[in-house]
Amino acid sequence: MYILILKGLVKGRDGDATEHTYIVKKIQLWELLSVETFDYRDWLDKVIVVVVVLVVIVVVTVVVVVIVVLLVVIVVVVVVVVEVVRWRDF
């Protein structure tokens, strides 16, 4: 159990300052780790958003790379076919 303690100097009528201690609240450990202190749902939401964004970036990158590779293969095949046809004509 934890206790919040407020200490302070109180000036009396005679002008002397005396120290007083006030126990403000008793706190259990589970209250320190409560939802108000650390909300795991906000943290989990942020992690999910980051993971989704990373997955989208990876998927888009893979799709773009596959499209570029297909285009290059198509161009190479067309060029080879054209050269073979020209070669046969001679």
N, C-alpha and C. Protein backbone atom coordinates (compact mmCIF):
# COMPACT_ATOMS: atom_id res chain seq x y z
N MET A 1 0.84 -1.18 0.00
CA MET A 1 0.00 0.00 0.00
C MET A 1 0.88 1.24 0.00
N TYR A 2 0.47 2.21 -0.78
CA TYR A 2 1.20 3.47 -0.84
C TYR A 2 0.35 4.57 -0.22
N ILE A 3 1.01 5.54 0.36
CA ILE A 3 0.29 6.66 0.97
C ILE A 3 0.86 7.95 0.39
N LEU A 4 -0.04 8.76 -0.14
CA LEU A 4 0.39 10.10 -0.57
C LEU A 4 0.46 10.98 0.66
N ILE A 5 1.59 11.61 0.85
CA ILE A 5 1.78 12.44 2.03
C ILE A 5 2.07 13.87 1.58
N LEU A 6 1.34 14.79 2.15
CA LEU A 6 1.55 16.20 1.88
C LEU A 6 2.19 16.81 3.12
N LYS A 7 3.39 17.33 2.94
CA LYS A 7 4.07 17.94 4.07
C LYS A 7 4.18 19.44 3.81
N GLY A 8 4.08 20.17 4.83
CA GLY A 8 4.21 21.61 4.66
C GLY A 8 4.45 22.31 5.98
N LEU A 9 4.92 23.53 5.87
CA LEU A 9 5.16 24.34 7.06
C LEU A 9 3.94 25.24 7.28
N VAL A 10 3.48 25.22 8.50
CA VAL A 10 2.34 26.06 8.87
C VAL A 10 2.82 27.07 9.89
N LYS A 11 2.53 28.33 9.60
CA LYS A 11 2.96 29.39 10.49
C LYS A 11 1.90 29.57 11.58
N GLY A 12 2.34 29.49 12.80
CA GLY A 12 1.41 29.63 13.92
C GLY A 12 1.21 31.09 14.28
N ARG A 13 0.37 31.29 15.32
CA ARG A 13 0.08 32.66 15.77
C ARG A 13 1.33 33.33 16.35
N ASP A 14 2.19 32.51 16.89
CA ASP A 14 3.39 33.08 17.51
C ASP A 14 4.49 33.37 16.49
N GLY A 15 4.23 33.04 15.21
CA GLY A 15 5.21 33.35 14.17
C GLY A 15 6.14 32.20 13.86
N ASP A 16 6.12 31.16 14.68
CA ASP A 16 6.98 30.02 14.42
C ASP A 16 6.33 29.10 13.39
N ALA A 17 7.18 28.54 12.53
CA ALA A 17 6.68 27.62 11.51
C ALA A 17 6.86 26.20 12.03
N THR A 18 5.79 25.46 12.05
CA THR A 18 5.88 24.06 12.45
C THR A 18 5.50 23.19 11.26
N GLU A 19 6.15 22.04 11.19
CA GLU A 19 5.89 21.15 10.07
C GLU A 19 4.71 20.26 10.40
N HIS A 20 3.79 20.18 9.45
CA HIS A 20 2.64 19.30 9.61
C HIS A 20 2.62 18.31 8.45
N THR A 21 2.19 17.11 8.75
CA THR A 21 2.09 16.07 7.73
C THR A 21 0.62 15.68 7.60
N TYR A 22 0.14 15.69 6.38
CA TYR A 22 -1.24 15.32 6.12
C TYR A 22 -1.25 14.09 5.21
N ILE A 23 -1.97 13.07 5.64
CA ILE A 23 -2.15 11.90 4.79
C ILE A 23 -3.31 12.20 3.86
N VAL A 24 -3.01 12.29 2.57
CA VAL A 24 -4.03 12.69 1.61
C VAL A 24 -4.88 11.49 1.21
N LYS A 25 -4.25 10.42 0.81
CA LYS A 25 -5.02 9.28 0.32
C LYS A 25 -4.17 8.02 0.39
N LYS A 26 -4.81 6.94 0.72
CA LYS A 26 -4.14 5.64 0.64
C LYS A 26 -4.37 5.10 -0.76
N ILE A 27 -3.29 4.62 -1.38
CA ILE A 27 -3.39 4.15 -2.76
C ILE A 27 -2.91 2.70 -2.81
N GLN A 28 -3.69 1.85 -3.43
CA GLN A 28 -3.27 0.47 -3.66
C GLN A 28 -2.44 0.42 -4.95
N LEU A 29 -1.66 -0.64 -5.09
CA LEU A 29 -0.82 -0.79 -6.28
C LEU A 29 -1.66 -0.86 -7.54
N TRP A 30 -2.79 -1.54 -7.50
CA TRP A 30 -3.64 -1.65 -8.69
C TRP A 30 -4.20 -0.31 -9.11
N GLU A 31 -4.32 0.64 -8.18
CA GLU A 31 -4.78 1.98 -8.54
C GLU A 31 -3.69 2.74 -9.29
N LEU A 32 -2.44 2.49 -8.92
CA LEU A 32 -1.33 3.14 -9.64
C LEU A 32 -1.25 2.64 -11.07
N LEU A 33 -1.63 1.37 -11.30
CA LEU A 33 -1.56 0.78 -12.63
C LEU A 33 -2.95 0.74 -13.28
N SER A 34 -3.81 1.62 -12.86
CA SER A 34 -5.19 1.58 -13.35
C SER A 34 -5.28 2.14 -14.77
N VAL A 35 -6.48 2.10 -15.32
CA VAL A 35 -6.72 2.55 -16.69
C VAL A 35 -6.39 4.04 -16.84
N GLU A 36 -6.61 4.81 -15.80
CA GLU A 36 -6.31 6.25 -15.90
C GLU A 36 -4.81 6.49 -16.07
N THR A 37 -4.00 5.64 -15.43
CA THR A 37 -2.56 5.81 -15.50
C THR A 37 -2.00 5.28 -16.82
N PHE A 38 -2.39 4.06 -17.17
CA PHE A 38 -1.85 3.43 -18.39
C PHE A 38 -2.99 2.72 -19.09
N ASP A 39 -3.42 3.27 -20.18
CA ASP A 39 -4.52 2.68 -20.94
C ASP A 39 -3.93 1.86 -22.07
N TYR A 40 -3.92 0.55 -21.90
CA TYR A 40 -3.30 -0.32 -22.90
C TYR A 40 -4.07 -0.29 -24.21
N ARG A 41 -5.35 0.09 -24.18
CA ARG A 41 -6.13 0.10 -25.41
C ARG A 41 -5.63 1.17 -26.38
N ASP A 42 -5.26 2.33 -25.88
CA ASP A 42 -4.68 3.36 -26.75
C ASP A 42 -3.38 2.88 -27.36
N TRP A 43 -2.54 2.26 -26.55
CA TRP A 43 -1.25 1.74 -27.02
C TRP A 43 -1.48 0.66 -28.08
N LEU A 44 -2.44 -0.23 -27.83
CA LEU A 44 -2.74 -1.31 -28.76
C LEU A 44 -3.27 -0.75 -30.08
N ASP A 45 -4.13 0.27 -30.00
CA ASP A 45 -4.65 0.91 -31.22
C ASP A 45 -3.51 1.49 -32.05
N LYS A 46 -2.57 2.13 -31.40
CA LYS A 46 -1.44 2.72 -32.13
C LYS A 46 -0.58 1.64 -32.79
N VAL A 47 -0.36 0.55 -32.08
CA VAL A 47 0.43 -0.55 -32.65
C VAL A 47 -0.29 -1.16 -33.85
N ILE A 48 -1.60 -1.34 -33.73
CA ILE A 48 -2.38 -1.90 -34.84
C ILE A 48 -2.31 -0.98 -36.06
N VAL A 49 -2.43 0.31 -35.86
CA VAL A 49 -2.36 1.27 -36.97
C VAL A 49 -0.99 1.20 -37.63
N VAL A 50 0.08 1.16 -36.85
CA VAL A 50 1.43 1.10 -37.42
C VAL A 50 1.62 -0.20 -38.21
N VAL A 51 1.15 -1.31 -37.67
CA VAL A 51 1.28 -2.60 -38.36
C VAL A 51 0.50 -2.59 -39.66
N VAL A 52 -0.72 -2.06 -39.64
CA VAL A 52 -1.53 -2.00 -40.86
C VAL A 52 -0.87 -1.12 -41.91
N VAL A 53 -0.34 0.01 -41.50
CA VAL A 53 0.34 0.91 -42.44
C VAL A 53 1.56 0.22 -43.04
N LEU A 54 2.34 -0.48 -42.22
CA LEU A 54 3.51 -1.18 -42.74
C LEU A 54 3.11 -2.30 -43.71
N VAL A 55 2.05 -3.03 -43.39
CA VAL A 55 1.59 -4.09 -44.28
C VAL A 55 1.12 -3.50 -45.61
N VAL A 56 0.40 -2.40 -45.57
CA VAL A 56 -0.06 -1.75 -46.80
C VAL A 56 1.13 -1.29 -47.63
N ILE A 57 2.14 -0.71 -46.99
CA ILE A 57 3.33 -0.25 -47.72
C ILE A 57 4.03 -1.44 -48.38
N VAL A 58 4.17 -2.54 -47.65
CA VAL A 58 4.84 -3.72 -48.21
C VAL A 58 4.04 -4.29 -49.37
N VAL A 59 2.73 -4.39 -49.22
CA VAL A 59 1.88 -4.95 -50.29
C VAL A 59 1.95 -4.06 -51.54
N VAL A 60 1.85 -2.76 -51.36
CA VAL A 60 1.92 -1.84 -52.51
C VAL A 60 3.28 -1.94 -53.19
N THR A 61 4.34 -2.03 -52.41
CA THR A 61 5.69 -2.17 -52.98
C THR A 61 5.82 -3.46 -53.77
N VAL A 62 5.32 -4.55 -53.24
CA VAL A 62 5.40 -5.84 -53.93
C VAL A 62 4.60 -5.79 -55.23
N VAL A 63 3.41 -5.20 -55.18
CA VAL A 63 2.58 -5.10 -56.39
C VAL A 63 3.28 -4.27 -57.46
N VAL A 64 3.87 -3.15 -57.07
CA VAL A 64 4.57 -2.29 -58.03
C VAL A 64 5.77 -3.03 -58.62
N VAL A 65 6.52 -3.74 -57.79
CA VAL A 65 7.68 -4.48 -58.29
C VAL A 65 7.23 -5.58 -59.26
N VAL A 66 6.17 -6.28 -58.95
CA VAL A 66 5.67 -7.34 -59.83
C VAL A 66 5.22 -6.74 -61.16
N ILE A 67 4.54 -5.62 -61.13
CA ILE A 67 4.09 -4.96 -62.38
C ILE A 67 5.29 -4.54 -63.22
N VAL A 68 6.29 -3.97 -62.59
CA VAL A 68 7.49 -3.52 -63.32
C VAL A 68 8.22 -4.73 -63.92
N VAL A 69 8.34 -5.79 -63.17
CA VAL A 69 9.02 -6.99 -63.68
C VAL A 69 8.23 -7.57 -64.85
N LEU A 70 6.93 -7.62 -64.76
CA LEU A 70 6.10 -8.12 -65.87
C LEU A 70 6.26 -7.25 -67.12
N LEU A 71 6.29 -5.95 -66.93
CA LEU A 71 6.48 -5.06 -68.07
C LEU A 71 7.85 -5.28 -68.73
N VAL A 72 8.86 -5.44 -67.91
CA VAL A 72 10.20 -5.69 -68.45
C VAL A 72 10.23 -7.02 -69.21
N VAL A 73 9.61 -8.04 -68.67
CA VAL A 73 9.57 -9.34 -69.33
C VAL A 73 8.82 -9.23 -70.67
N ILE A 74 7.71 -8.51 -70.68
CA ILE A 74 6.94 -8.33 -71.91
C ILE A 74 7.79 -7.60 -72.96
N VAL A 75 8.48 -6.55 -72.55
CA VAL A 75 9.31 -5.78 -73.48
C VAL A 75 10.44 -6.66 -74.02
N VAL A 76 11.07 -7.45 -73.16
CA VAL A 76 12.17 -8.33 -73.59
C VAL A 76 11.64 -9.37 -74.58
N VAL A 77 10.51 -9.95 -74.29
CA VAL A 77 9.93 -10.96 -75.19
C VAL A 77 9.60 -10.34 -76.55
N VAL A 78 9.02 -9.17 -76.56
CA VAL A 78 8.68 -8.50 -77.82
C VAL A 78 9.95 -8.20 -78.61
N VAL A 79 10.96 -7.70 -77.95
CA VAL A 79 12.22 -7.38 -78.64
C VAL A 79 12.85 -8.65 -79.20
N VAL A 80 12.85 -9.72 -78.44
CA VAL A 80 13.44 -10.98 -78.91
C VAL A 80 12.64 -11.51 -80.11
N VAL A 81 11.33 -11.46 -80.03
CA VAL A 81 10.50 -11.94 -81.14
C VAL A 81 10.76 -11.10 -82.39
N VAL A 82 10.84 -9.81 -82.24
CA VAL A 82 11.09 -8.93 -83.39
C VAL A 82 12.46 -9.24 -83.99
N GLU A 83 13.46 -9.44 -83.18
CA GLU A 83 14.81 -9.75 -83.68
C GLU A 83 14.85 -11.11 -84.37
N VAL A 84 14.13 -12.08 -83.82
CA VAL A 84 14.10 -13.41 -84.43
C VAL A 84 13.41 -13.33 -85.79
N VAL A 85 12.33 -12.57 -85.87
CA VAL A 85 11.61 -12.41 -87.14
C VAL A 85 12.51 -11.70 -88.15
N ARG A 86 13.23 -10.69 -87.74
CA ARG A 86 14.15 -9.98 -88.66
C ARG A 86 15.26 -10.92 -89.11
N TRP A 87 15.77 -11.71 -88.21
CA TRP A 87 16.86 -12.63 -88.52
C TRP A 87 16.41 -13.69 -89.52
N ARG A 88 15.17 -14.16 -89.40
CA ARG A 88 14.65 -15.17 -90.32
C ARG A 88 14.42 -14.59 -91.71
N ASP A 89 14.13 -13.32 -91.77
CA ASP A 89 13.88 -12.69 -93.07
C ASP A 89 15.15 -12.63 -93.92
N PHE A 90 16.30 -12.60 -93.26
CA PHE A 90 17.55 -12.47 -94.03
C PHE A 90 17.92 -13.77 -94.61
